């Protein structure tokens, strides 16, 4: 069976779409600038320093999902990731 873009409306297509989407991992935010910009965060025991924030945007939550604020950042070790904050709960997550 060949899966096409049209097949994402089926339960199988939605399930396969979730497999392709990277998972968000919880992080500990260690330092902030101006009360909301990430400076340092800890993920799986490793400390990462944000060298540059490349993009910031907010998305409204739909259904049970809360509003989120997203940050695309470059770390000091040249890795790039997306950090997001669940605004209602105040929790932070990373997607590599």
N, C-alpha and C. Protein backbone atom coordinates (compact mmCIF):
# COMPACT_ATOMS: atom_id res chain seq x y z
N UNK A 1 0.84 -1.17 0.00
CA UNK A 1 0.00 0.00 0.00
C UNK A 1 0.88 1.24 0.00
N UNK A 2 0.64 2.13 -0.91
CA UNK A 2 1.41 3.36 -1.00
C UNK A 2 0.67 4.46 -0.25
N UNK A 3 1.35 5.07 0.69
CA UNK A 3 0.75 6.15 1.47
C UNK A 3 0.99 7.47 0.76
N UNK A 4 -0.07 8.21 0.60
CA UNK A 4 0.05 9.52 -0.01
C UNK A 4 -0.37 10.56 1.00
N UNK A 5 -0.24 11.81 0.64
CA UNK A 5 -0.63 12.90 1.52
C UNK A 5 -2.11 12.82 1.87
N UNK A 6 -2.90 12.35 0.96
CA UNK A 6 -4.34 12.26 1.18
C UNK A 6 -4.68 11.25 2.27
N UNK A 7 -3.83 10.26 2.51
CA UNK A 7 -4.14 9.21 3.47
C UNK A 7 -3.96 9.65 4.92
N UNK A 8 -3.51 10.88 5.16
CA UNK A 8 -3.31 11.31 6.55
C UNK A 8 -4.62 11.52 7.29
N UNK A 9 -5.75 11.56 6.59
CA UNK A 9 -7.04 11.70 7.24
C UNK A 9 -7.52 10.40 7.88
N UNK A 10 -6.90 9.30 7.53
CA UNK A 10 -7.28 8.01 8.09
C UNK A 10 -6.56 7.80 9.41
N UNK A 11 -7.07 6.91 10.26
CA UNK A 11 -6.37 6.65 11.53
C UNK A 11 -4.93 6.19 11.31
N UNK A 12 -4.68 5.35 10.29
CA UNK A 12 -3.32 4.90 10.01
C UNK A 12 -2.43 6.07 9.60
N UNK A 13 -2.96 6.97 8.78
CA UNK A 13 -2.19 8.13 8.34
C UNK A 13 -1.85 9.07 9.48
N UNK A 14 -2.80 9.27 10.40
CA UNK A 14 -2.52 10.13 11.56
C UNK A 14 -1.45 9.50 12.45
N UNK A 15 -1.52 8.20 12.63
CA UNK A 15 -0.53 7.49 13.44
C UNK A 15 0.85 7.61 12.81
N UNK A 16 0.94 7.43 11.48
CA UNK A 16 2.23 7.55 10.80
C UNK A 16 2.76 8.99 10.87
N UNK A 17 1.86 9.98 10.84
CA UNK A 17 2.28 11.38 10.96
C UNK A 17 2.92 11.66 12.30
N UNK A 18 2.41 11.03 13.36
CA UNK A 18 2.99 11.21 14.69
C UNK A 18 4.38 10.60 14.77
N UNK A 19 4.63 9.53 14.03
CA UNK A 19 5.95 8.91 14.05
C UNK A 19 7.00 9.83 13.44
N UNK A 20 6.64 10.59 12.44
CA UNK A 20 7.59 11.47 11.78
C UNK A 20 7.87 12.73 12.58
N UNK A 21 6.97 13.11 13.46
CA UNK A 21 7.11 14.33 14.25
C UNK A 21 8.10 14.10 15.39
N UNK A 22 9.12 14.95 15.56
CA UNK A 22 10.06 14.76 16.66
C UNK A 22 9.37 14.96 18.01
N UNK A 23 9.83 14.21 19.00
CA UNK A 23 9.24 14.30 20.33
C UNK A 23 9.90 15.40 21.14
N UNK A 24 9.09 16.05 21.94
CA UNK A 24 9.60 17.10 22.81
C UNK A 24 9.99 16.49 24.15
N UNK A 25 11.16 16.87 24.65
CA UNK A 25 11.65 16.36 25.93
C UNK A 25 11.64 17.50 26.95
N UNK A 26 11.23 17.22 28.18
CA UNK A 26 11.24 18.28 29.19
C UNK A 26 12.66 18.69 29.55
N UNK A 27 12.84 19.97 29.85
CA UNK A 27 14.15 20.49 30.24
C UNK A 27 14.00 21.33 31.50
N UNK A 28 15.14 21.60 32.13
CA UNK A 28 15.19 22.52 33.26
C UNK A 28 15.82 23.81 32.76
N UNK A 29 15.10 24.90 32.83
CA UNK A 29 15.64 26.18 32.42
C UNK A 29 16.44 26.74 33.59
N UNK A 30 17.75 26.95 33.39
CA UNK A 30 18.64 27.36 34.48
C UNK A 30 18.79 28.88 34.58
N UNK A 31 18.65 29.58 33.45
CA UNK A 31 18.81 31.04 33.48
C UNK A 31 17.96 31.66 32.38
N UNK A 32 17.41 32.84 32.69
CA UNK A 32 16.61 33.60 31.74
C UNK A 32 17.10 35.04 31.69
N UNK A 33 16.85 35.67 30.56
CA UNK A 33 17.15 37.10 30.41
C UNK A 33 15.82 37.82 30.23
N UNK A 34 15.65 38.92 30.91
CA UNK A 34 14.43 39.73 30.87
C UNK A 34 13.20 38.95 31.33
N UNK A 35 13.39 37.88 32.07
CA UNK A 35 12.28 37.13 32.63
C UNK A 35 11.60 36.16 31.69
N UNK A 36 12.02 36.08 30.40
CA UNK A 36 11.38 35.12 29.51
C UNK A 36 12.28 34.56 28.42
N UNK A 37 13.43 35.14 28.15
CA UNK A 37 14.34 34.63 27.12
C UNK A 37 15.28 33.58 27.71
N UNK A 38 15.36 32.39 27.12
CA UNK A 38 16.24 31.36 27.66
C UNK A 38 17.72 31.69 27.45
N UNK A 39 18.54 31.43 28.48
CA UNK A 39 19.98 31.66 28.40
C UNK A 39 20.73 30.34 28.56
N UNK A 40 20.33 29.52 29.55
CA UNK A 40 20.95 28.20 29.78
C UNK A 40 19.85 27.22 30.14
N UNK A 41 20.02 25.96 29.67
CA UNK A 41 19.07 24.92 30.05
C UNK A 41 19.79 23.59 30.21
N UNK A 42 19.20 22.73 31.01
CA UNK A 42 19.77 21.41 31.27
C UNK A 42 18.85 20.36 30.66
N UNK A 43 19.44 19.50 29.81
CA UNK A 43 18.71 18.41 29.17
C UNK A 43 19.49 17.12 29.37
N UNK A 44 18.87 16.15 30.04
CA UNK A 44 19.49 14.86 30.33
C UNK A 44 20.84 15.01 31.02
N UNK A 45 20.92 15.96 31.94
CA UNK A 45 22.14 16.16 32.73
C UNK A 45 23.17 17.07 32.10
N UNK A 46 23.06 17.34 30.80
CA UNK A 46 24.04 18.20 30.12
C UNK A 46 23.54 19.64 30.12
N UNK A 47 24.44 20.57 30.42
CA UNK A 47 24.11 21.99 30.44
C UNK A 47 24.39 22.58 29.06
N UNK A 48 23.41 23.28 28.50
CA UNK A 48 23.55 23.92 27.19
C UNK A 48 23.39 25.42 27.35
N UNK A 49 24.25 26.17 26.70
CA UNK A 49 24.18 27.64 26.74
C UNK A 49 23.66 28.14 25.40
N UNK A 50 22.67 29.01 25.44
CA UNK A 50 22.09 29.58 24.22
C UNK A 50 23.02 30.68 23.73
N UNK A 51 23.55 30.52 22.53
CA UNK A 51 24.44 31.53 21.95
C UNK A 51 23.64 32.60 21.21
N UNK A 52 22.53 32.18 20.55
CA UNK A 52 21.74 33.15 19.78
C UNK A 52 20.31 32.66 19.66
N UNK A 53 19.38 33.56 19.81
CA UNK A 53 17.96 33.26 19.56
C UNK A 53 17.66 33.72 18.15
N UNK A 54 17.24 32.78 17.31
CA UNK A 54 17.03 33.08 15.90
C UNK A 54 15.60 33.49 15.58
N UNK A 55 14.65 32.94 16.33
CA UNK A 55 13.25 33.23 16.02
C UNK A 55 12.39 33.01 17.26
N UNK A 56 11.36 33.84 17.43
CA UNK A 56 10.41 33.71 18.54
C UNK A 56 9.00 33.85 17.97
N UNK A 57 8.09 32.98 18.41
CA UNK A 57 6.69 33.13 18.05
C UNK A 57 5.81 32.43 19.09
N UNK A 58 4.53 32.77 19.08
CA UNK A 58 3.58 32.16 20.00
C UNK A 58 2.48 31.48 19.20
N UNK A 59 1.95 30.39 19.75
CA UNK A 59 0.83 29.68 19.15
C UNK A 59 -0.24 29.49 20.20
N UNK A 60 -1.46 29.74 19.81
CA UNK A 60 -2.59 29.50 20.71
C UNK A 60 -2.84 28.01 20.79
N UNK A 61 -3.24 27.55 21.96
CA UNK A 61 -3.55 26.15 22.15
C UNK A 61 -4.91 25.82 21.55
N UNK A 62 -5.03 24.59 21.11
CA UNK A 62 -6.30 24.11 20.56
C UNK A 62 -6.75 22.94 21.40
N UNK A 63 -8.00 22.94 21.79
CA UNK A 63 -8.51 21.84 22.60
C UNK A 63 -7.87 21.84 23.97
N UNK A 64 -7.27 20.72 24.33
CA UNK A 64 -6.66 20.58 25.66
C UNK A 64 -5.23 21.14 25.69
N UNK A 65 -4.65 21.44 24.54
CA UNK A 65 -3.28 21.93 24.52
C UNK A 65 -3.23 23.40 24.91
N UNK A 66 -2.27 23.75 25.76
CA UNK A 66 -2.12 25.12 26.26
C UNK A 66 -1.39 25.99 25.23
N UNK A 67 -1.48 27.31 25.42
CA UNK A 67 -0.72 28.25 24.59
C UNK A 67 0.77 28.00 24.79
N UNK A 68 1.54 28.20 23.72
CA UNK A 68 2.99 27.96 23.79
C UNK A 68 3.76 29.13 23.20
N UNK A 69 4.95 29.36 23.73
CA UNK A 69 5.90 30.33 23.17
C UNK A 69 7.11 29.54 22.70
N UNK A 70 7.48 29.71 21.43
CA UNK A 70 8.57 28.95 20.80
C UNK A 70 9.79 29.83 20.59
N UNK A 71 10.98 29.20 20.71
CA UNK A 71 12.27 29.86 20.48
C UNK A 71 13.14 28.91 19.65
N UNK A 72 13.56 29.33 18.47
CA UNK A 72 14.57 28.58 17.72
C UNK A 72 15.90 29.17 18.14
N UNK A 73 16.79 28.32 18.69
CA UNK A 73 18.04 28.82 19.25
C UNK A 73 19.24 28.06 18.69
N UNK A 74 20.38 28.73 18.68
CA UNK A 74 21.67 28.11 18.40
C UNK A 74 22.41 28.04 19.73
N UNK A 75 22.92 26.86 20.04
CA UNK A 75 23.65 26.68 21.30
C UNK A 75 25.13 26.98 21.08
N UNK A 76 25.85 27.12 22.17
CA UNK A 76 27.29 27.43 22.10
C UNK A 76 28.07 26.29 21.45
N UNK A 77 27.55 25.05 21.52
CA UNK A 77 28.24 23.90 20.90
C UNK A 77 27.80 23.70 19.45
N UNK A 78 27.27 24.73 18.82
CA UNK A 78 26.84 24.79 17.41
C UNK A 78 25.62 23.92 17.10
N UNK A 79 24.99 23.35 18.09
CA UNK A 79 23.75 22.60 17.84
C UNK A 79 22.60 23.59 17.77
N UNK A 80 21.57 23.22 17.04
CA UNK A 80 20.40 24.06 16.87
C UNK A 80 19.18 23.28 17.35
N UNK A 81 18.27 23.96 18.06
CA UNK A 81 17.08 23.29 18.57
C UNK A 81 15.94 24.29 18.71
N UNK A 82 14.78 23.75 19.00
CA UNK A 82 13.61 24.57 19.28
C UNK A 82 13.20 24.35 20.73
N UNK A 83 13.15 25.42 21.49
CA UNK A 83 12.66 25.37 22.86
C UNK A 83 11.24 25.92 22.86
N UNK A 84 10.38 25.35 23.70
CA UNK A 84 9.07 25.96 23.85
C UNK A 84 8.64 25.90 25.30
N UNK A 85 7.82 26.90 25.65
CA UNK A 85 7.31 27.03 27.01
C UNK A 85 5.79 26.89 26.95
N UNK A 86 5.26 25.97 27.76
CA UNK A 86 3.81 25.88 27.93
C UNK A 86 3.44 27.02 28.87
N UNK A 87 2.73 28.01 28.37
CA UNK A 87 2.52 29.23 29.13
C UNK A 87 1.64 29.03 30.36
N UNK A 88 0.66 28.17 30.29
CA UNK A 88 -0.23 27.96 31.44
C UNK A 88 0.51 27.26 32.58
N UNK A 89 1.26 26.21 32.26
CA UNK A 89 1.96 25.43 33.29
C UNK A 89 3.34 25.99 33.62
N UNK A 90 3.94 26.73 32.67
CA UNK A 90 5.27 27.27 32.90
C UNK A 90 6.39 26.27 32.67
N UNK A 91 6.07 25.12 32.06
CA UNK A 91 7.10 24.11 31.80
C UNK A 91 7.82 24.38 30.48
N UNK A 92 9.06 23.91 30.39
CA UNK A 92 9.89 24.10 29.20
C UNK A 92 10.23 22.76 28.59
N UNK A 93 10.36 22.75 27.24
CA UNK A 93 10.65 21.52 26.50
C UNK A 93 11.60 21.85 25.35
N UNK A 94 12.30 20.81 24.85
CA UNK A 94 13.22 20.98 23.74
C UNK A 94 12.89 19.94 22.67
N UNK A 95 13.05 20.36 21.41
CA UNK A 95 12.97 19.47 20.25
C UNK A 95 14.27 19.65 19.49
N UNK A 96 15.08 18.59 19.40
CA UNK A 96 16.37 18.67 18.70
C UNK A 96 16.17 18.43 17.24
